[in-house]
N, C-alpha and C. Protein backbone atom coordinates (compact mmCIF):
# COMPACT_ATOMS: atom_id res chain seq x y z
N MET A 1 -8.06 -14.85 18.71
CA MET A 1 -9.31 -14.84 17.96
C MET A 1 -9.55 -13.40 17.46
N ILE A 2 -9.84 -13.29 16.18
CA ILE A 2 -10.14 -11.99 15.58
C ILE A 2 -11.59 -12.02 15.15
N ASP A 3 -12.41 -11.16 15.79
CA ASP A 3 -13.85 -11.17 15.53
C ASP A 3 -14.25 -10.03 14.58
N ASP A 4 -15.52 -10.00 14.21
CA ASP A 4 -16.03 -8.99 13.28
C ASP A 4 -16.72 -7.86 14.04
N GLY A 5 -15.96 -7.15 14.83
CA GLY A 5 -16.51 -5.99 15.51
C GLY A 5 -16.12 -4.72 14.78
N PRO A 6 -16.63 -3.59 15.24
CA PRO A 6 -16.31 -2.31 14.59
C PRO A 6 -14.80 -2.02 14.58
N GLU A 7 -14.09 -2.43 15.63
CA GLU A 7 -12.65 -2.19 15.69
C GLU A 7 -11.93 -3.00 14.61
N THR A 8 -12.38 -4.20 14.37
CA THR A 8 -11.77 -5.03 13.31
C THR A 8 -11.98 -4.39 11.95
N ARG A 9 -13.18 -3.93 11.68
CA ARG A 9 -13.46 -3.30 10.39
C ARG A 9 -12.65 -2.01 10.22
N GLU A 10 -12.48 -1.28 11.31
CA GLU A 10 -11.67 -0.05 11.25
C GLU A 10 -10.22 -0.39 10.92
N ARG A 11 -9.70 -1.42 11.56
CA ARG A 11 -8.32 -1.84 11.28
C ARG A 11 -8.16 -2.32 9.84
N LEU A 12 -9.15 -3.07 9.36
CA LEU A 12 -9.10 -3.54 7.98
C LEU A 12 -9.10 -2.37 7.00
N THR A 13 -9.91 -1.37 7.27
CA THR A 13 -9.96 -0.19 6.42
C THR A 13 -8.63 0.56 6.45
N THR A 14 -7.98 0.58 7.59
CA THR A 14 -6.66 1.21 7.69
C THR A 14 -5.64 0.43 6.87
N ALA A 15 -5.77 -0.88 6.84
CA ALA A 15 -4.84 -1.71 6.09
C ALA A 15 -5.02 -1.52 4.58
N LEU A 16 -6.26 -1.47 4.13
CA LEU A 16 -6.55 -1.30 2.70
C LEU A 16 -7.92 -0.64 2.58
N HIS A 17 -7.91 0.59 2.13
CA HIS A 17 -9.13 1.39 2.05
C HIS A 17 -9.95 1.01 0.81
N VAL A 18 -10.51 -0.20 0.85
CA VAL A 18 -11.36 -0.72 -0.23
C VAL A 18 -12.54 -1.41 0.43
N ALA A 19 -13.73 -0.83 0.25
CA ALA A 19 -14.92 -1.33 0.94
C ALA A 19 -15.20 -2.81 0.66
N ARG A 20 -15.10 -3.24 -0.59
CA ARG A 20 -15.37 -4.63 -0.94
C ARG A 20 -14.40 -5.57 -0.23
N TRP A 21 -13.14 -5.18 -0.19
CA TRP A 21 -12.12 -6.00 0.47
C TRP A 21 -12.41 -6.11 1.97
N VAL A 22 -12.72 -4.98 2.60
CA VAL A 22 -13.05 -4.97 4.03
C VAL A 22 -14.24 -5.89 4.30
N ASP A 23 -15.29 -5.76 3.49
CA ASP A 23 -16.49 -6.60 3.67
C ASP A 23 -16.16 -8.08 3.50
N GLU A 24 -15.37 -8.39 2.47
CA GLU A 24 -15.04 -9.80 2.19
C GLU A 24 -14.18 -10.39 3.30
N VAL A 25 -13.20 -9.65 3.77
CA VAL A 25 -12.34 -10.16 4.84
C VAL A 25 -13.12 -10.25 6.15
N ALA A 26 -13.92 -9.24 6.46
CA ALA A 26 -14.71 -9.24 7.70
C ALA A 26 -15.73 -10.38 7.71
N ALA A 27 -16.24 -10.74 6.54
CA ALA A 27 -17.24 -11.81 6.45
C ALA A 27 -16.68 -13.16 6.90
N GLY A 28 -15.36 -13.30 6.86
CA GLY A 28 -14.73 -14.55 7.29
C GLY A 28 -14.52 -14.66 8.79
N CYS A 29 -14.83 -13.59 9.52
CA CYS A 29 -14.64 -13.60 10.98
C CYS A 29 -15.58 -14.59 11.63
N PRO A 30 -15.20 -15.15 12.74
CA PRO A 30 -13.95 -14.92 13.47
C PRO A 30 -12.80 -15.74 12.87
N TYR A 31 -11.61 -15.19 12.98
CA TYR A 31 -10.40 -15.88 12.54
C TYR A 31 -9.68 -16.43 13.76
N PRO A 32 -9.24 -17.67 13.71
CA PRO A 32 -8.57 -18.27 14.86
C PRO A 32 -7.16 -17.71 15.08
N SER A 33 -6.60 -17.11 14.02
CA SER A 33 -5.23 -16.61 14.14
C SER A 33 -4.99 -15.49 13.14
N LEU A 34 -3.91 -14.76 13.35
CA LEU A 34 -3.51 -13.72 12.43
C LEU A 34 -3.16 -14.32 11.07
N ASP A 35 -2.53 -15.47 11.06
CA ASP A 35 -2.20 -16.14 9.80
C ASP A 35 -3.44 -16.45 8.97
N ALA A 36 -4.50 -16.88 9.63
CA ALA A 36 -5.75 -17.18 8.92
C ALA A 36 -6.33 -15.90 8.32
N LEU A 37 -6.32 -14.81 9.08
CA LEU A 37 -6.80 -13.52 8.59
C LEU A 37 -5.98 -13.08 7.38
N VAL A 38 -4.66 -13.14 7.49
CA VAL A 38 -3.77 -12.70 6.41
C VAL A 38 -3.99 -13.56 5.16
N GLY A 39 -4.22 -14.84 5.32
CA GLY A 39 -4.46 -15.71 4.17
C GLY A 39 -5.69 -15.30 3.38
N VAL A 40 -6.79 -15.04 4.09
CA VAL A 40 -8.02 -14.60 3.43
C VAL A 40 -7.83 -13.20 2.83
N ALA A 41 -7.18 -12.32 3.57
CA ALA A 41 -6.95 -10.96 3.09
C ALA A 41 -6.11 -10.96 1.82
N ASP A 42 -5.11 -11.82 1.77
CA ASP A 42 -4.25 -11.94 0.59
C ASP A 42 -5.07 -12.34 -0.63
N LEU A 43 -5.87 -13.37 -0.49
CA LEU A 43 -6.69 -13.82 -1.63
C LEU A 43 -7.67 -12.74 -2.07
N ALA A 44 -8.30 -12.07 -1.11
CA ALA A 44 -9.28 -11.03 -1.44
C ALA A 44 -8.63 -9.84 -2.14
N ALA A 45 -7.38 -9.55 -1.80
CA ALA A 45 -6.69 -8.41 -2.40
C ALA A 45 -6.16 -8.72 -3.79
N ARG A 46 -6.09 -9.96 -4.15
CA ARG A 46 -5.58 -10.33 -5.49
C ARG A 46 -6.57 -9.98 -6.60
N GLY A 47 -7.80 -9.67 -6.24
CA GLY A 47 -8.80 -9.34 -7.26
C GLY A 47 -9.18 -7.87 -7.30
N LEU A 48 -8.28 -6.99 -6.90
CA LEU A 48 -8.61 -5.56 -6.91
C LEU A 48 -8.92 -5.06 -8.32
N THR A 49 -10.03 -4.37 -8.45
CA THR A 49 -10.42 -3.77 -9.73
C THR A 49 -9.74 -2.41 -9.88
N PRO A 50 -9.70 -1.86 -11.09
CA PRO A 50 -9.14 -0.50 -11.26
C PRO A 50 -9.84 0.54 -10.37
N ALA A 51 -11.15 0.44 -10.21
CA ALA A 51 -11.87 1.39 -9.35
C ALA A 51 -11.45 1.22 -7.89
N GLU A 52 -11.22 -0.02 -7.46
CA GLU A 52 -10.78 -0.26 -6.09
C GLU A 52 -9.36 0.24 -5.87
N VAL A 53 -8.52 0.11 -6.86
CA VAL A 53 -7.16 0.66 -6.77
C VAL A 53 -7.24 2.17 -6.57
N ASP A 54 -8.10 2.83 -7.35
CA ASP A 54 -8.28 4.28 -7.19
C ASP A 54 -8.78 4.62 -5.79
N GLU A 55 -9.74 3.82 -5.30
CA GLU A 55 -10.29 4.02 -3.95
C GLU A 55 -9.17 3.92 -2.91
N ALA A 56 -8.34 2.92 -3.03
CA ALA A 56 -7.24 2.71 -2.07
C ALA A 56 -6.19 3.81 -2.18
N LEU A 57 -5.86 4.21 -3.40
CA LEU A 57 -4.83 5.24 -3.58
C LEU A 57 -5.25 6.58 -2.98
N SER A 58 -6.54 6.82 -2.92
CA SER A 58 -7.02 8.09 -2.34
C SER A 58 -6.64 8.22 -0.87
N ALA A 59 -6.30 7.10 -0.22
CA ALA A 59 -5.94 7.11 1.21
C ALA A 59 -4.43 7.03 1.43
N HIS A 60 -3.63 7.06 0.36
CA HIS A 60 -2.17 6.93 0.49
C HIS A 60 -1.47 8.25 0.19
N PRO A 61 -0.47 8.60 1.01
CA PRO A 61 0.35 9.78 0.70
C PRO A 61 1.37 9.46 -0.38
N ARG A 62 1.88 10.50 -1.01
CA ARG A 62 2.97 10.31 -1.97
C ARG A 62 4.22 9.86 -1.22
N ILE A 63 5.02 9.02 -1.88
CA ILE A 63 6.32 8.62 -1.31
C ILE A 63 7.16 9.87 -1.14
N GLY A 64 7.70 10.04 0.05
CA GLY A 64 8.56 11.19 0.32
C GLY A 64 7.85 12.36 0.94
N GLU A 65 6.51 12.37 0.92
CA GLU A 65 5.77 13.45 1.58
C GLU A 65 5.74 13.21 3.07
N LYS A 66 5.45 14.27 3.82
CA LYS A 66 5.27 14.10 5.26
C LYS A 66 4.08 13.17 5.47
N THR A 67 4.26 12.21 6.36
CA THR A 67 3.24 11.18 6.57
C THR A 67 2.90 11.08 8.04
N ALA A 68 1.84 10.33 8.31
CA ALA A 68 1.44 10.10 9.69
C ALA A 68 1.11 8.62 9.86
N GLY A 69 1.13 8.17 11.09
CA GLY A 69 0.70 6.81 11.41
C GLY A 69 1.50 5.74 10.71
N LEU A 70 0.78 4.75 10.16
CA LEU A 70 1.43 3.61 9.53
C LEU A 70 2.28 4.02 8.34
N SER A 71 1.81 4.96 7.54
CA SER A 71 2.58 5.39 6.37
C SER A 71 3.94 5.93 6.79
N SER A 72 3.96 6.65 7.90
CA SER A 72 5.22 7.20 8.39
C SER A 72 6.20 6.09 8.75
N ALA A 73 5.72 5.08 9.46
CA ALA A 73 6.58 3.96 9.84
C ALA A 73 7.03 3.18 8.61
N GLU A 74 6.13 3.00 7.65
CA GLU A 74 6.46 2.24 6.45
C GLU A 74 7.53 2.94 5.60
N GLN A 75 7.49 4.27 5.58
CA GLN A 75 8.43 5.02 4.76
C GLN A 75 9.71 5.40 5.51
N ALA A 76 9.79 5.09 6.79
CA ALA A 76 10.92 5.53 7.61
C ALA A 76 12.27 5.07 7.05
N ALA A 77 12.33 3.83 6.60
CA ALA A 77 13.61 3.31 6.10
C ALA A 77 14.04 4.01 4.83
N SER A 78 13.09 4.56 4.08
CA SER A 78 13.45 5.21 2.84
C SER A 78 13.63 6.72 3.02
N ALA A 79 13.53 7.21 4.25
CA ALA A 79 13.71 8.64 4.50
C ALA A 79 15.17 9.03 4.29
N THR A 80 15.36 10.25 3.85
CA THR A 80 16.72 10.73 3.62
C THR A 80 16.76 12.23 3.79
N GLU A 81 17.91 12.72 4.13
CA GLU A 81 18.13 14.16 4.22
C GLU A 81 18.93 14.65 3.01
N ASP A 82 19.38 13.74 2.15
CA ASP A 82 20.16 14.10 0.98
C ASP A 82 19.28 14.92 0.03
N PRO A 83 19.59 16.22 -0.12
CA PRO A 83 18.72 17.09 -0.93
C PRO A 83 18.63 16.65 -2.39
N LYS A 84 19.69 16.07 -2.93
CA LYS A 84 19.64 15.61 -4.33
C LYS A 84 18.70 14.42 -4.49
N LEU A 85 18.73 13.54 -3.52
CA LEU A 85 17.83 12.38 -3.56
C LEU A 85 16.38 12.81 -3.33
N VAL A 86 16.18 13.75 -2.43
CA VAL A 86 14.84 14.27 -2.19
C VAL A 86 14.30 14.90 -3.47
N GLU A 87 15.12 15.72 -4.13
CA GLU A 87 14.69 16.37 -5.37
C GLU A 87 14.42 15.33 -6.46
N ALA A 88 15.25 14.29 -6.54
CA ALA A 88 15.03 13.24 -7.53
C ALA A 88 13.69 12.54 -7.29
N MET A 89 13.32 12.35 -6.02
CA MET A 89 12.03 11.74 -5.71
C MET A 89 10.88 12.66 -6.11
N VAL A 90 11.02 13.95 -5.86
CA VAL A 90 9.97 14.91 -6.23
C VAL A 90 9.77 14.89 -7.74
N VAL A 91 10.86 14.98 -8.48
CA VAL A 91 10.79 14.97 -9.94
C VAL A 91 10.24 13.63 -10.43
N GLY A 92 10.71 12.53 -9.84
CA GLY A 92 10.23 11.21 -10.23
C GLY A 92 8.74 11.06 -9.98
N ASN A 93 8.28 11.51 -8.82
CA ASN A 93 6.84 11.46 -8.51
C ASN A 93 6.03 12.26 -9.53
N GLN A 94 6.50 13.45 -9.87
CA GLN A 94 5.80 14.28 -10.84
C GLN A 94 5.76 13.61 -12.21
N THR A 95 6.88 13.06 -12.62
CA THR A 95 6.95 12.37 -13.92
C THR A 95 6.00 11.18 -13.93
N TYR A 96 6.00 10.42 -12.85
CA TYR A 96 5.12 9.26 -12.74
C TYR A 96 3.65 9.69 -12.83
N GLU A 97 3.29 10.72 -12.07
CA GLU A 97 1.90 11.18 -12.07
C GLU A 97 1.47 11.67 -13.44
N GLN A 98 2.36 12.34 -14.15
CA GLN A 98 2.05 12.78 -15.52
C GLN A 98 1.90 11.57 -16.44
N ARG A 99 2.73 10.57 -16.26
CA ARG A 99 2.72 9.39 -17.13
C ARG A 99 1.50 8.51 -16.88
N PHE A 100 1.19 8.26 -15.60
CA PHE A 100 0.14 7.29 -15.27
C PHE A 100 -1.14 7.91 -14.70
N GLY A 101 -1.12 9.18 -14.33
CA GLY A 101 -2.32 9.83 -13.82
C GLY A 101 -2.70 9.45 -12.41
N ARG A 102 -1.74 8.97 -11.63
CA ARG A 102 -1.99 8.62 -10.22
C ARG A 102 -0.67 8.72 -9.47
N ILE A 103 -0.75 8.68 -8.13
CA ILE A 103 0.46 8.75 -7.33
C ILE A 103 1.26 7.46 -7.49
N PHE A 104 2.57 7.58 -7.32
CA PHE A 104 3.45 6.41 -7.32
C PHE A 104 3.30 5.70 -5.98
N LEU A 105 2.99 4.43 -6.03
CA LEU A 105 2.79 3.66 -4.81
C LEU A 105 3.75 2.48 -4.81
N ILE A 106 4.41 2.29 -3.68
CA ILE A 106 5.34 1.18 -3.53
C ILE A 106 5.36 0.76 -2.07
N ARG A 107 5.56 -0.53 -1.85
CA ARG A 107 5.78 -0.99 -0.48
C ARG A 107 7.17 -0.49 -0.09
N ALA A 108 7.21 0.59 0.66
CA ALA A 108 8.48 1.23 1.02
C ALA A 108 9.16 0.54 2.19
N ALA A 109 8.39 -0.17 2.99
CA ALA A 109 8.97 -0.84 4.17
C ALA A 109 10.11 -1.76 3.73
N GLY A 110 11.26 -1.58 4.36
CA GLY A 110 12.41 -2.42 4.06
C GLY A 110 13.22 -1.98 2.86
N ARG A 111 12.85 -0.87 2.25
CA ARG A 111 13.57 -0.37 1.07
C ARG A 111 14.21 0.97 1.39
N SER A 112 15.40 1.19 0.86
CA SER A 112 16.06 2.49 1.00
C SER A 112 15.45 3.46 0.01
N ARG A 113 15.69 4.74 0.22
CA ARG A 113 15.20 5.76 -0.71
C ARG A 113 15.77 5.51 -2.11
N LEU A 114 17.02 5.09 -2.19
CA LEU A 114 17.65 4.81 -3.48
C LEU A 114 16.96 3.63 -4.18
N GLU A 115 16.60 2.61 -3.42
CA GLU A 115 15.87 1.47 -4.00
C GLU A 115 14.49 1.89 -4.50
N VAL A 116 13.82 2.74 -3.73
CA VAL A 116 12.51 3.24 -4.14
C VAL A 116 12.63 4.04 -5.43
N LEU A 117 13.64 4.89 -5.50
CA LEU A 117 13.86 5.70 -6.70
C LEU A 117 14.17 4.81 -7.91
N ALA A 118 14.97 3.79 -7.72
CA ALA A 118 15.28 2.86 -8.81
C ALA A 118 14.02 2.15 -9.30
N GLU A 119 13.16 1.75 -8.37
CA GLU A 119 11.89 1.11 -8.74
C GLU A 119 10.99 2.08 -9.49
N LEU A 120 10.95 3.32 -9.04
CA LEU A 120 10.15 4.34 -9.71
C LEU A 120 10.61 4.46 -11.17
N HIS A 121 11.91 4.56 -11.38
CA HIS A 121 12.43 4.68 -12.75
C HIS A 121 12.13 3.43 -13.58
N ARG A 122 12.26 2.24 -12.98
CA ARG A 122 11.94 1.01 -13.70
C ARG A 122 10.48 1.00 -14.12
N ARG A 123 9.62 1.37 -13.21
CA ARG A 123 8.19 1.31 -13.47
C ARG A 123 7.73 2.36 -14.47
N LEU A 124 8.46 3.44 -14.62
CA LEU A 124 8.11 4.43 -15.64
C LEU A 124 8.17 3.82 -17.04
N GLY A 125 8.94 2.75 -17.21
CA GLY A 125 9.06 2.09 -18.49
C GLY A 125 8.01 1.03 -18.75
N LEU A 126 7.13 0.77 -17.78
CA LEU A 126 6.10 -0.25 -17.95
C LEU A 126 4.94 0.28 -18.79
N SER A 127 4.21 -0.64 -19.37
CA SER A 127 2.97 -0.26 -20.07
C SER A 127 1.92 0.10 -19.02
N ASP A 128 0.84 0.72 -19.46
CA ASP A 128 -0.24 1.06 -18.54
C ASP A 128 -0.79 -0.17 -17.84
N ASP A 129 -0.99 -1.25 -18.59
CA ASP A 129 -1.53 -2.48 -18.00
C ASP A 129 -0.54 -3.12 -17.01
N GLU A 130 0.73 -3.12 -17.38
CA GLU A 130 1.74 -3.68 -16.48
C GLU A 130 1.81 -2.88 -15.19
N GLU A 131 1.76 -1.56 -15.30
CA GLU A 131 1.84 -0.72 -14.11
C GLU A 131 0.58 -0.86 -13.27
N ALA A 132 -0.58 -0.99 -13.88
CA ALA A 132 -1.81 -1.19 -13.12
C ALA A 132 -1.72 -2.46 -12.28
N ALA A 133 -1.19 -3.52 -12.87
CA ALA A 133 -1.01 -4.77 -12.12
C ALA A 133 0.01 -4.59 -11.01
N GLU A 134 1.07 -3.84 -11.27
CA GLU A 134 2.11 -3.58 -10.26
C GLU A 134 1.53 -2.80 -9.07
N VAL A 135 0.73 -1.78 -9.35
CA VAL A 135 0.13 -0.98 -8.28
C VAL A 135 -0.80 -1.85 -7.42
N ALA A 136 -1.62 -2.67 -8.07
CA ALA A 136 -2.52 -3.55 -7.32
C ALA A 136 -1.72 -4.49 -6.42
N ASP A 137 -0.61 -5.02 -6.93
CA ASP A 137 0.22 -5.92 -6.12
C ASP A 137 0.89 -5.17 -4.97
N GLN A 138 1.33 -3.95 -5.21
CA GLN A 138 1.94 -3.16 -4.14
C GLN A 138 0.91 -2.85 -3.04
N LEU A 139 -0.32 -2.55 -3.43
CA LEU A 139 -1.38 -2.32 -2.45
C LEU A 139 -1.60 -3.58 -1.61
N ARG A 140 -1.59 -4.74 -2.27
CA ARG A 140 -1.76 -6.00 -1.55
C ARG A 140 -0.64 -6.21 -0.55
N GLN A 141 0.60 -5.98 -0.98
CA GLN A 141 1.75 -6.16 -0.09
C GLN A 141 1.67 -5.21 1.11
N ILE A 142 1.31 -3.97 0.86
CA ILE A 142 1.19 -2.98 1.94
C ILE A 142 0.09 -3.41 2.92
N ALA A 143 -1.04 -3.84 2.39
CA ALA A 143 -2.15 -4.26 3.25
C ALA A 143 -1.74 -5.42 4.15
N LEU A 144 -1.05 -6.40 3.60
CA LEU A 144 -0.65 -7.57 4.40
C LEU A 144 0.35 -7.18 5.48
N LEU A 145 1.27 -6.28 5.16
CA LEU A 145 2.20 -5.79 6.19
C LEU A 145 1.46 -5.02 7.28
N ARG A 146 0.51 -4.21 6.86
CA ARG A 146 -0.26 -3.44 7.85
C ARG A 146 -1.08 -4.35 8.75
N LEU A 147 -1.65 -5.40 8.20
CA LEU A 147 -2.40 -6.34 9.04
C LEU A 147 -1.52 -6.92 10.13
N GLN A 148 -0.28 -7.24 9.79
CA GLN A 148 0.65 -7.79 10.79
C GLN A 148 0.83 -6.81 11.95
N THR A 149 0.89 -5.52 11.64
CA THR A 149 1.05 -4.49 12.67
C THR A 149 -0.26 -4.24 13.42
N LEU A 150 -1.34 -4.09 12.67
CA LEU A 150 -2.62 -3.71 13.27
C LEU A 150 -3.24 -4.80 14.14
N PHE A 151 -2.96 -6.06 13.83
CA PHE A 151 -3.56 -7.16 14.57
C PHE A 151 -2.56 -7.94 15.41
N ALA A 152 -1.36 -7.40 15.56
CA ALA A 152 -0.36 -8.05 16.42
C ALA A 152 -0.88 -8.07 17.85
N SER A 153 -0.71 -9.22 18.52
CA SER A 153 -1.21 -9.24 19.91
C SER A 153 -0.10 -9.03 20.89
């Protein structure tokens, strides 16, 4: 059973730093199971506005930067010591930020650094609207993965 206590709201905020989403998901408490929580969270995250995306991005580190907590675990698979790949990520991040005006965000869990770099290059070719939709979907995917970790019993 997942109830609507302060600890639940804190975990939800860690999963996705969007006040409206936290309120909407918390309003459904108590949840009989993690699956029920994830189902509601998924639907609520599908309606992220541009302002909410900005709110959530303010709590995310750049891919490849030193990270802590969940971000560190999520990016672990994409970590590398290859200096050329590290430099390519730095340059790619800078190019992305100049192009779109925000940090590059991707669900890094389960992806190699090379896969992340390939996705970064692919997404540089997207229109602003296409990339905005991609970022919102990546935030949703990250939030759902985080919920699995944060609410695992």
